[in-house]
């Protein structure tokens, strides 16, 4: 249930955000229904396959940041998609609210989430941030002419095995491409 609810929330909020932010930009040439479908596709594919129906290089800044977040979260457990996984995000967020309310145990759907699962969730999040940050630092060091936003996008996409690009991958140095591969 955690995976289904989290996936539904990410898909719905991602679709709404994509629709609103890109309405007069990359979605402007579509009909109203086409805008909804394209926004939905953009929300779902950023967490899984990395197909795109709009030019990612033309997205608004806010949309890019949302896409990067969705790529970072990625797919659900037991799938081939990358990212930290939907369940990891859900457990971390729920536990954070739990701690803020002064509770020591995390219960969801009348079941207790084991402490080890909570610790793993936070560890996965911290390690992913560390890996992505190191990747951004290395690529920006080796390719100083590229913008930080484009580099960050490429690194998050590579970490999450999404495959989306803002169009700079082919222009990166060999060392930077190796960083993205690793």
N, C-alpha and C. Protein backbone atom coordinates (compact mmCIF):
# COMPACT_ATOMS: atom_id res chain seq x y z
N UNK A 1 0.82 -1.20 0.00
CA UNK A 1 0.00 0.00 0.00
C UNK A 1 0.86 1.26 0.00
N UNK A 2 2.00 1.19 0.70
CA UNK A 2 2.89 2.36 0.74
C UNK A 2 3.33 2.72 -0.67
N UNK A 3 3.73 1.72 -1.43
CA UNK A 3 4.21 1.94 -2.79
C UNK A 3 3.09 2.49 -3.68
N UNK A 4 1.91 1.92 -3.58
CA UNK A 4 0.80 2.37 -4.42
C UNK A 4 0.40 3.81 -4.10
N UNK A 5 0.28 4.13 -2.81
CA UNK A 5 -0.13 5.47 -2.42
C UNK A 5 0.94 6.49 -2.82
N UNK A 6 2.21 6.16 -2.54
CA UNK A 6 3.30 7.07 -2.89
C UNK A 6 3.39 7.27 -4.39
N UNK A 7 3.28 6.21 -5.15
CA UNK A 7 3.32 6.31 -6.62
C UNK A 7 2.17 7.16 -7.14
N UNK A 8 0.99 6.95 -6.58
CA UNK A 8 -0.17 7.74 -6.99
C UNK A 8 0.03 9.22 -6.69
N UNK A 9 0.51 9.53 -5.50
CA UNK A 9 0.75 10.93 -5.11
C UNK A 9 1.78 11.57 -6.03
N UNK A 10 2.89 10.88 -6.27
CA UNK A 10 3.94 11.42 -7.14
C UNK A 10 3.43 11.63 -8.57
N UNK A 11 2.66 10.68 -9.06
CA UNK A 11 2.14 10.77 -10.42
C UNK A 11 1.15 11.93 -10.55
N UNK A 12 0.21 12.02 -9.61
CA UNK A 12 -0.81 13.09 -9.68
C UNK A 12 -0.17 14.46 -9.51
N UNK A 13 0.66 14.63 -8.46
CA UNK A 13 1.29 15.93 -8.23
C UNK A 13 2.25 16.30 -9.36
N UNK A 14 2.98 15.30 -9.88
CA UNK A 14 3.89 15.55 -11.00
C UNK A 14 3.14 15.97 -12.25
N UNK A 15 2.01 15.33 -12.51
CA UNK A 15 1.19 15.68 -13.67
C UNK A 15 0.64 17.10 -13.54
N UNK A 16 0.11 17.41 -12.38
CA UNK A 16 -0.44 18.76 -12.15
C UNK A 16 0.65 19.82 -12.30
N UNK A 17 1.79 19.57 -11.69
CA UNK A 17 2.89 20.54 -11.76
C UNK A 17 3.37 20.71 -13.20
N UNK A 18 3.57 19.61 -13.90
CA UNK A 18 4.03 19.66 -15.29
C UNK A 18 3.02 20.41 -16.14
N UNK A 19 1.73 20.11 -15.94
CA UNK A 19 0.66 20.75 -16.71
C UNK A 19 0.65 22.26 -16.48
N UNK A 20 0.70 22.67 -15.24
CA UNK A 20 0.62 24.11 -14.92
C UNK A 20 1.88 24.84 -15.38
N UNK A 21 3.05 24.29 -15.06
CA UNK A 21 4.30 24.98 -15.35
C UNK A 21 4.65 25.03 -16.84
N UNK A 22 4.20 24.05 -17.58
CA UNK A 22 4.54 23.98 -19.00
C UNK A 22 3.38 24.31 -19.93
N UNK A 23 2.25 24.74 -19.36
CA UNK A 23 1.04 25.00 -20.14
C UNK A 23 1.31 25.90 -21.34
N UNK A 24 1.99 27.01 -21.12
CA UNK A 24 2.27 27.96 -22.21
C UNK A 24 3.69 27.84 -22.75
N UNK A 25 4.38 26.78 -22.39
CA UNK A 25 5.75 26.59 -22.85
C UNK A 25 5.79 25.36 -23.76
N UNK A 26 6.28 24.25 -23.28
CA UNK A 26 6.44 23.07 -24.12
C UNK A 26 5.13 22.39 -24.47
N UNK A 27 4.07 22.69 -23.72
CA UNK A 27 2.77 22.09 -24.01
C UNK A 27 1.89 22.99 -24.88
N UNK A 28 2.38 24.16 -25.25
CA UNK A 28 1.55 25.15 -25.94
C UNK A 28 0.99 24.67 -27.27
N UNK A 29 1.67 23.76 -27.94
CA UNK A 29 1.20 23.30 -29.26
C UNK A 29 0.17 22.19 -29.17
N UNK A 30 -0.13 21.71 -27.97
CA UNK A 30 -1.07 20.60 -27.79
C UNK A 30 -2.47 21.11 -27.49
N UNK A 31 -3.46 20.26 -27.77
CA UNK A 31 -4.83 20.55 -27.36
C UNK A 31 -4.91 20.39 -25.84
N UNK A 32 -6.04 20.76 -25.25
CA UNK A 32 -6.16 20.65 -23.79
C UNK A 32 -5.97 19.20 -23.34
N UNK A 33 -6.61 18.26 -24.00
CA UNK A 33 -6.45 16.84 -23.67
C UNK A 33 -5.01 16.40 -23.93
N UNK A 34 -4.43 16.87 -25.00
CA UNK A 34 -3.04 16.54 -25.31
C UNK A 34 -2.09 17.05 -24.23
N UNK A 35 -2.39 18.22 -23.69
CA UNK A 35 -1.57 18.77 -22.60
C UNK A 35 -1.65 17.88 -21.36
N UNK A 36 -2.85 17.41 -21.06
CA UNK A 36 -3.03 16.53 -19.90
C UNK A 36 -2.27 15.22 -20.09
N UNK A 37 -2.43 14.62 -21.25
CA UNK A 37 -1.76 13.34 -21.54
C UNK A 37 -0.25 13.51 -21.53
N UNK A 38 0.24 14.57 -22.15
CA UNK A 38 1.69 14.81 -22.20
C UNK A 38 2.24 15.10 -20.81
N UNK A 39 1.49 15.84 -20.00
CA UNK A 39 1.92 16.12 -18.62
C UNK A 39 1.95 14.83 -17.81
N UNK A 40 0.95 13.99 -17.98
CA UNK A 40 0.91 12.69 -17.30
C UNK A 40 2.10 11.83 -17.72
N UNK A 41 2.33 11.76 -19.02
CA UNK A 41 3.45 10.98 -19.53
C UNK A 41 4.78 11.52 -18.99
N UNK A 42 4.91 12.83 -18.97
CA UNK A 42 6.13 13.45 -18.44
C UNK A 42 6.34 13.15 -16.97
N UNK A 43 5.26 13.07 -16.22
CA UNK A 43 5.35 12.76 -14.79
C UNK A 43 5.76 11.30 -14.55
N UNK A 44 5.17 10.40 -15.31
CA UNK A 44 5.44 8.97 -15.11
C UNK A 44 6.80 8.56 -15.64
N UNK A 45 7.14 9.01 -16.82
CA UNK A 45 8.36 8.54 -17.47
C UNK A 45 9.63 9.05 -16.78
N UNK A 46 9.54 10.17 -16.07
CA UNK A 46 10.72 10.67 -15.37
C UNK A 46 11.13 9.76 -14.23
N UNK A 47 10.22 8.93 -13.77
CA UNK A 47 10.52 8.02 -12.67
C UNK A 47 10.88 6.62 -13.17
N UNK A 48 10.81 6.39 -14.47
CA UNK A 48 11.03 5.03 -14.96
C UNK A 48 11.92 5.00 -16.19
N UNK A 49 11.32 5.13 -17.35
CA UNK A 49 12.00 4.82 -18.60
C UNK A 49 12.82 5.94 -19.19
N UNK A 50 12.45 7.18 -18.92
CA UNK A 50 13.20 8.29 -19.46
C UNK A 50 12.85 8.68 -20.88
N UNK A 51 11.72 8.21 -21.38
CA UNK A 51 11.28 8.66 -22.69
C UNK A 51 10.79 10.09 -22.55
N UNK A 52 10.90 10.86 -23.59
CA UNK A 52 10.36 12.22 -23.51
C UNK A 52 9.60 12.56 -24.78
N UNK A 53 8.52 13.30 -24.56
CA UNK A 53 7.70 13.75 -25.68
C UNK A 53 7.84 15.26 -25.87
N UNK A 54 8.56 15.89 -24.95
CA UNK A 54 8.87 17.32 -25.07
C UNK A 54 10.38 17.48 -24.92
N UNK A 55 10.90 18.56 -25.46
CA UNK A 55 12.33 18.84 -25.40
C UNK A 55 12.70 19.22 -23.96
N UNK A 56 13.48 18.37 -23.29
CA UNK A 56 13.87 18.66 -21.90
C UNK A 56 14.74 19.91 -21.82
N UNK A 57 15.40 20.25 -22.90
CA UNK A 57 16.21 21.46 -22.92
C UNK A 57 15.37 22.73 -22.93
N UNK A 58 14.08 22.60 -23.23
CA UNK A 58 13.20 23.77 -23.30
C UNK A 58 12.30 23.92 -22.08
N UNK A 59 12.43 23.02 -21.12
CA UNK A 59 11.58 23.07 -19.92
C UNK A 59 11.91 24.29 -19.06
N UNK A 60 10.90 24.81 -18.37
CA UNK A 60 11.09 25.89 -17.41
C UNK A 60 11.96 25.41 -16.24
N UNK A 61 12.60 26.32 -15.56
CA UNK A 61 13.45 25.98 -14.42
C UNK A 61 12.69 25.19 -13.37
N UNK A 62 11.49 25.62 -13.03
CA UNK A 62 10.72 24.93 -12.00
C UNK A 62 10.36 23.51 -12.41
N UNK A 63 10.04 23.34 -13.67
CA UNK A 63 9.74 22.00 -14.17
C UNK A 63 10.97 21.12 -14.12
N UNK A 64 12.11 21.68 -14.47
CA UNK A 64 13.37 20.91 -14.43
C UNK A 64 13.63 20.42 -13.01
N UNK A 65 13.43 21.29 -12.03
CA UNK A 65 13.66 20.90 -10.64
C UNK A 65 12.69 19.79 -10.20
N UNK A 66 11.46 19.87 -10.63
CA UNK A 66 10.48 18.82 -10.31
C UNK A 66 10.86 17.52 -11.01
N UNK A 67 11.26 17.61 -12.27
CA UNK A 67 11.70 16.42 -13.00
C UNK A 67 12.90 15.78 -12.30
N UNK A 68 13.84 16.61 -11.86
CA UNK A 68 15.01 16.07 -11.15
C UNK A 68 14.59 15.37 -9.86
N UNK A 69 13.63 15.93 -9.14
CA UNK A 69 13.14 15.28 -7.92
C UNK A 69 12.49 13.94 -8.26
N UNK A 70 11.63 13.92 -9.29
CA UNK A 70 10.97 12.68 -9.67
C UNK A 70 11.99 11.63 -10.14
N UNK A 71 13.01 12.05 -10.87
CA UNK A 71 14.06 11.11 -11.29
C UNK A 71 14.78 10.56 -10.07
N UNK A 72 15.09 11.44 -9.11
CA UNK A 72 15.81 11.03 -7.90
C UNK A 72 15.01 9.99 -7.11
N UNK A 73 13.71 10.21 -6.98
CA UNK A 73 12.87 9.23 -6.28
C UNK A 73 12.82 7.94 -7.07
N UNK A 74 12.56 8.04 -8.35
CA UNK A 74 12.59 6.87 -9.21
C UNK A 74 11.38 5.98 -9.07
N UNK A 75 11.62 4.72 -9.31
CA UNK A 75 10.56 3.72 -9.40
C UNK A 75 10.27 3.11 -8.03
N UNK A 76 9.52 2.04 -8.05
CA UNK A 76 9.17 1.33 -6.83
C UNK A 76 10.05 0.10 -6.67
N UNK A 77 10.13 -0.44 -5.45
CA UNK A 77 10.96 -1.63 -5.22
C UNK A 77 10.54 -2.79 -6.12
N UNK A 78 11.49 -3.64 -6.41
CA UNK A 78 11.31 -4.83 -7.24
C UNK A 78 11.11 -4.48 -8.71
N UNK A 79 11.34 -3.24 -9.09
CA UNK A 79 11.26 -2.86 -10.50
C UNK A 79 12.68 -2.65 -11.02
N UNK A 80 12.79 -2.49 -12.31
CA UNK A 80 14.11 -2.27 -12.89
C UNK A 80 14.49 -0.79 -12.90
N UNK A 81 13.56 0.08 -12.50
CA UNK A 81 13.84 1.51 -12.46
C UNK A 81 14.81 1.85 -11.33
N UNK A 82 15.50 2.96 -11.50
CA UNK A 82 16.47 3.37 -10.49
C UNK A 82 15.88 4.33 -9.48
N UNK A 83 16.75 5.14 -8.90
CA UNK A 83 16.33 6.10 -7.89
C UNK A 83 16.36 5.51 -6.50
N UNK A 84 15.98 6.34 -5.54
CA UNK A 84 15.99 5.87 -4.16
C UNK A 84 14.82 4.96 -3.85
N UNK A 85 13.80 4.97 -4.65
CA UNK A 85 12.57 4.17 -4.59
C UNK A 85 11.47 4.89 -3.81
N UNK A 86 10.26 4.64 -4.22
CA UNK A 86 9.10 5.29 -3.62
C UNK A 86 8.93 4.93 -2.15
N UNK A 87 9.18 3.69 -1.80
CA UNK A 87 9.01 3.26 -0.41
C UNK A 87 10.03 3.93 0.50
N UNK A 88 11.24 4.14 0.02
CA UNK A 88 12.27 4.81 0.81
C UNK A 88 11.83 6.23 1.13
N UNK A 89 11.34 6.95 0.12
CA UNK A 89 10.87 8.31 0.33
C UNK A 89 9.71 8.34 1.32
N UNK A 90 8.75 7.43 1.15
CA UNK A 90 7.58 7.40 2.02
C UNK A 90 7.96 7.13 3.47
N UNK A 91 8.81 6.15 3.69
CA UNK A 91 9.22 5.81 5.06
C UNK A 91 9.96 6.98 5.70
N UNK A 92 10.84 7.61 4.96
CA UNK A 92 11.60 8.74 5.50
C UNK A 92 10.69 9.92 5.84
N UNK A 93 9.76 10.25 4.94
CA UNK A 93 8.85 11.37 5.20
C UNK A 93 7.93 11.06 6.37
N UNK A 94 7.35 9.88 6.38
CA UNK A 94 6.44 9.51 7.47
C UNK A 94 7.17 9.49 8.81
N UNK A 95 8.39 8.99 8.83
CA UNK A 95 9.14 8.96 10.08
C UNK A 95 9.53 10.37 10.54
N UNK A 96 9.83 11.25 9.60
CA UNK A 96 10.15 12.64 9.94
C UNK A 96 8.96 13.30 10.63
N UNK A 97 7.76 13.11 10.08
CA UNK A 97 6.56 13.65 10.72
C UNK A 97 6.31 12.99 12.07
N UNK A 98 6.60 11.70 12.14
CA UNK A 98 6.45 10.95 13.39
C UNK A 98 7.35 11.52 14.48
N UNK A 99 8.60 11.80 14.13
CA UNK A 99 9.56 12.37 15.07
C UNK A 99 9.09 13.76 15.51
N UNK A 100 8.59 14.54 14.56
CA UNK A 100 8.10 15.89 14.87
C UNK A 100 6.92 15.85 15.85
N UNK A 101 6.14 14.79 15.82
CA UNK A 101 5.02 14.63 16.74
C UNK A 101 5.44 14.00 18.07
N UNK A 102 6.73 13.68 18.19
CA UNK A 102 7.24 13.12 19.44
C UNK A 102 7.04 11.62 19.60
N UNK A 103 6.74 10.93 18.53
CA UNK A 103 6.54 9.48 18.61
C UNK A 103 7.85 8.75 18.34
N UNK A 104 7.98 7.59 18.93
CA UNK A 104 9.22 6.82 18.77
C UNK A 104 9.05 5.62 17.84
N UNK A 105 7.80 5.22 17.58
CA UNK A 105 7.54 4.09 16.69
C UNK A 105 6.76 4.58 15.47
N UNK A 106 7.09 4.01 14.31
CA UNK A 106 6.38 4.36 13.08
C UNK A 106 5.40 3.23 12.77
N UNK A 107 4.13 3.57 12.83
CA UNK A 107 3.08 2.61 12.49
C UNK A 107 2.32 3.11 11.28
N UNK A 108 2.04 2.18 10.38
CA UNK A 108 1.33 2.52 9.16
C UNK A 108 0.43 1.35 8.79
N UNK A 109 -0.85 1.64 8.56
CA UNK A 109 -1.83 0.61 8.25
C UNK A 109 -1.84 -0.50 9.31
N UNK A 110 -1.81 -0.09 10.57
CA UNK A 110 -1.85 -0.99 11.72
C UNK A 110 -0.66 -1.95 11.79
N UNK A 111 0.44 -1.54 11.21
CA UNK A 111 1.67 -2.34 11.28
C UNK A 111 2.82 -1.42 11.62
N UNK A 112 3.77 -1.94 12.38
CA UNK A 112 4.94 -1.15 12.74
C UNK A 112 6.03 -1.33 11.69
N UNK A 113 6.61 -0.24 11.26
CA UNK A 113 7.74 -0.28 10.34
C UNK A 113 8.98 -0.52 11.19
N UNK A 114 9.74 -1.58 10.92
CA UNK A 114 10.92 -1.87 11.75
C UNK A 114 11.96 -0.75 11.70
N UNK A 115 12.65 -0.55 12.81
CA UNK A 115 13.69 0.49 12.91
C UNK A 115 14.73 0.33 11.81
N UNK A 116 15.11 -0.90 11.49
CA UNK A 116 16.14 -1.14 10.48
C UNK A 116 15.68 -0.61 9.12
N UNK A 117 14.40 -0.72 8.81
CA UNK A 117 13.88 -0.20 7.54
C UNK A 117 13.96 1.32 7.51
N UNK A 118 13.68 1.94 8.64
CA UNK A 118 13.76 3.40 8.74
C UNK A 118 15.21 3.85 8.60
N UNK A 119 16.12 3.17 9.26
CA UNK A 119 17.54 3.51 9.17
C UNK A 119 18.06 3.33 7.75
N UNK A 120 17.63 2.26 7.10
CA UNK A 120 18.04 2.02 5.71
C UNK A 120 17.53 3.12 4.78
N UNK A 121 16.31 3.56 5.02
CA UNK A 121 15.74 4.62 4.19
C UNK A 121 16.58 5.89 4.28
N UNK A 122 16.91 6.28 5.50
CA UNK A 122 17.74 7.48 5.66
C UNK A 122 19.14 7.28 5.08
N UNK A 123 19.69 6.09 5.24
CA UNK A 123 21.03 5.81 4.70
C UNK A 123 21.02 5.88 3.18
N UNK A 124 20.00 5.32 2.56
CA UNK A 124 19.89 5.36 1.09
C UNK A 124 19.79 6.79 0.61
N UNK A 125 18.98 7.59 1.29
CA UNK A 125 18.83 9.00 0.90
C UNK A 125 20.16 9.74 1.03
N UNK A 126 20.84 9.56 2.14
CA UNK A 126 22.11 10.25 2.36
C UNK A 126 23.17 9.80 1.35
N UNK A 127 23.25 8.50 1.11
CA UNK A 127 24.24 8.00 0.14
C UNK A 127 23.93 8.51 -1.27
N UNK A 128 22.66 8.57 -1.63
CA UNK A 128 22.31 9.06 -2.97
C UNK A 128 22.69 10.53 -3.12
N UNK A 129 22.43 11.32 -2.09
CA UNK A 129 22.80 12.74 -2.14
C UNK A 129 24.32 12.87 -2.25
N UNK A 130 25.06 12.04 -1.51
CA UNK A 130 26.52 12.07 -1.56
C UNK A 130 27.03 11.72 -2.96
N UNK A 131 26.52 10.65 -3.54
CA UNK A 131 26.96 10.21 -4.86
C UNK A 131 26.64 11.26 -5.92
N UNK A 132 25.43 11.79 -5.88
CA UNK A 132 25.03 12.81 -6.86
C UNK A 132 25.87 14.07 -6.70
N UNK A 133 26.11 14.49 -5.46
CA UNK A 133 26.92 15.69 -5.22
C UNK A 133 28.34 15.51 -5.72
N UNK A 134 28.95 14.38 -5.43
CA UNK A 134 30.32 14.11 -5.91
C UNK A 134 30.33 14.10 -7.44
N UNK A 135 29.32 13.50 -8.05
CA UNK A 135 29.24 13.46 -9.51
C UNK A 135 29.14 14.87 -10.10
N UNK A 136 28.30 15.70 -9.50
CA UNK A 136 28.15 17.08 -9.97
C UNK A 136 29.46 17.83 -9.84
N UNK A 137 30.13 17.66 -8.70
CA UNK A 137 31.42 18.34 -8.49
C UNK A 137 32.45 17.89 -9.52
N UNK A 138 32.53 16.59 -9.77
CA UNK A 138 33.52 16.08 -10.73
C UNK A 138 33.23 16.55 -12.16
N UNK A 139 31.98 16.42 -12.58
CA UNK A 139 31.64 16.82 -13.95
C UNK A 139 31.84 18.32 -14.13
N UNK A 140 31.45 19.11 -13.12
CA UNK A 140 31.64 20.56 -13.24
C UNK A 140 33.12 20.94 -13.22
N UNK A 141 33.94 20.12 -12.57
CA UNK A 141 35.39 20.35 -12.57
C UNK A 141 35.99 20.06 -13.94
N UNK A 142 35.55 18.95 -14.56
CA UNK A 142 36.11 18.55 -15.85
C UNK A 142 35.49 19.27 -17.04
N UNK A 143 34.31 19.83 -16.88
CA UNK A 143 33.63 20.53 -17.96
C UNK A 143 33.12 21.87 -17.45
N UNK A 144 34.04 22.79 -17.29
CA UNK A 144 33.73 24.09 -16.68
C UNK A 144 32.81 24.96 -17.55
N UNK A 145 32.73 24.67 -18.82
CA UNK A 145 31.91 25.50 -19.70
C UNK A 145 30.42 25.15 -19.63
N UNK A 146 30.09 24.04 -19.01
CA UNK A 146 28.68 23.62 -18.92
C UNK A 146 28.03 24.23 -17.69
N UNK A 147 26.75 24.51 -17.79
CA UNK A 147 26.00 25.11 -16.69
C UNK A 147 25.72 24.11 -15.58
N UNK A 148 25.65 24.61 -14.37
CA UNK A 148 25.43 23.76 -13.20
C UNK A 148 24.08 23.05 -13.27
N UNK A 149 23.06 23.71 -13.77
CA UNK A 149 21.74 23.09 -13.87
C UNK A 149 21.78 21.90 -14.82
N UNK A 150 22.40 22.08 -15.99
CA UNK A 150 22.49 20.99 -16.96
C UNK A 150 23.32 19.83 -16.41
N UNK A 151 24.41 20.13 -15.74
CA UNK A 151 25.26 19.10 -15.14
C UNK A 151 24.49 18.35 -14.06
N UNK A 152 23.80 19.09 -13.22
CA UNK A 152 23.02 18.46 -12.15
C UNK A 152 21.95 17.53 -12.73
N UNK A 153 21.28 18.00 -13.77
CA UNK A 153 20.25 17.20 -14.43
C UNK A 153 20.85 15.89 -14.95
N UNK A 154 21.99 15.99 -15.62
CA UNK A 154 22.64 14.80 -16.18
C UNK A 154 23.04 13.82 -15.08
N UNK A 155 23.57 14.35 -13.98
CA UNK A 155 24.03 13.49 -12.89
C UNK A 155 22.87 12.79 -12.18
N UNK A 156 21.79 13.50 -11.95
CA UNK A 156 20.61 12.88 -11.32
C UNK A 156 20.03 11.83 -12.26
N UNK A 157 19.95 12.15 -13.53
CA UNK A 157 19.44 11.20 -14.51
C UNK A 157 20.31 9.94 -14.56
N UNK A 158 21.61 10.12 -14.54
CA UNK A 158 22.52 8.97 -14.57
C UNK A 158 22.40 8.14 -13.30
N UNK A 159 22.35 8.82 -12.15
CA UNK A 159 22.22 8.09 -10.87
C UNK A 159 20.95 7.24 -10.87
N UNK A 160 19.88 7.81 -11.36
CA UNK A 160 18.58 7.14 -11.30
C UNK A 160 18.32 6.26 -12.51
N UNK A 161 19.27 6.15 -13.40
CA UNK A 161 19.19 5.36 -14.64
C UNK A 161 17.93 5.68 -15.44
N UNK A 162 17.63 6.97 -15.55
CA UNK A 162 16.43 7.40 -16.27
C UNK A 162 16.72 7.55 -17.76
N UNK A 163 17.82 8.18 -18.10
CA UNK A 163 18.16 8.34 -19.50
C UNK A 163 17.75 9.66 -20.12
N UNK A 164 17.16 10.55 -19.33
CA UNK A 164 16.83 11.87 -19.85
C UNK A 164 18.08 12.73 -19.88
N UNK A 165 18.10 13.68 -20.82
CA UNK A 165 19.26 14.56 -20.95
C UNK A 165 18.80 15.94 -21.36
N UNK A 166 19.59 16.93 -20.98
CA UNK A 166 19.32 18.31 -21.43
C UNK A 166 20.16 18.62 -22.66
N UNK A 167 20.75 17.59 -23.26
CA UNK A 167 21.45 17.74 -24.52
C UNK A 167 22.94 17.99 -24.42
N UNK A 168 23.53 17.86 -23.24
CA UNK A 168 24.96 18.14 -23.12
C UNK A 168 25.82 16.88 -23.05
N UNK A 169 25.22 15.71 -22.94
CA UNK A 169 25.99 14.49 -22.74
C UNK A 169 27.03 14.26 -23.82
N UNK A 170 26.65 14.44 -25.06
CA UNK A 170 27.59 14.20 -26.16
C UNK A 170 28.74 15.20 -26.17
N UNK A 171 28.54 16.36 -25.54
CA UNK A 171 29.57 17.40 -25.52
C UNK A 171 30.51 17.28 -24.31
N UNK A 172 30.22 16.37 -23.40
CA UNK A 172 31.05 16.24 -22.19
C UNK A 172 32.38 15.57 -22.51
N UNK A 173 33.36 15.84 -21.68
CA UNK A 173 34.67 15.21 -21.83
C UNK A 173 34.55 13.72 -21.52
N UNK A 174 35.54 12.98 -21.94
CA UNK A 174 35.55 11.54 -21.70
C UNK A 174 35.50 11.23 -20.20
N UNK A 175 36.24 11.99 -19.41
CA UNK A 175 36.26 11.78 -17.96
C UNK A 175 34.87 12.02 -17.36
N UNK A 176 34.21 13.06 -17.81
CA UNK A 176 32.85 13.34 -17.31
C UNK A 176 31.88 12.24 -17.71
N UNK A 177 32.03 11.73 -18.92
CA UNK A 177 31.16 10.63 -19.34
C UNK A 177 31.41 9.38 -18.48
N UNK A 178 32.66 9.16 -18.12
CA UNK A 178 32.97 8.04 -17.23
C UNK A 178 32.35 8.24 -15.85
N UNK A 179 32.35 9.47 -15.36
CA UNK A 179 31.70 9.77 -14.07
C UNK A 179 30.22 9.42 -14.16
N UNK A 180 29.56 9.81 -15.24
CA UNK A 180 28.15 9.50 -15.41
C UNK A 180 27.90 7.99 -15.52
N UNK A 181 28.80 7.31 -16.17
CA UNK A 181 28.67 5.84 -16.29
C UNK A 181 28.78 5.19 -14.91
N UNK A 182 29.77 5.62 -14.14
CA UNK A 182 29.95 5.04 -12.81
C UNK A 182 28.76 5.37 -11.94
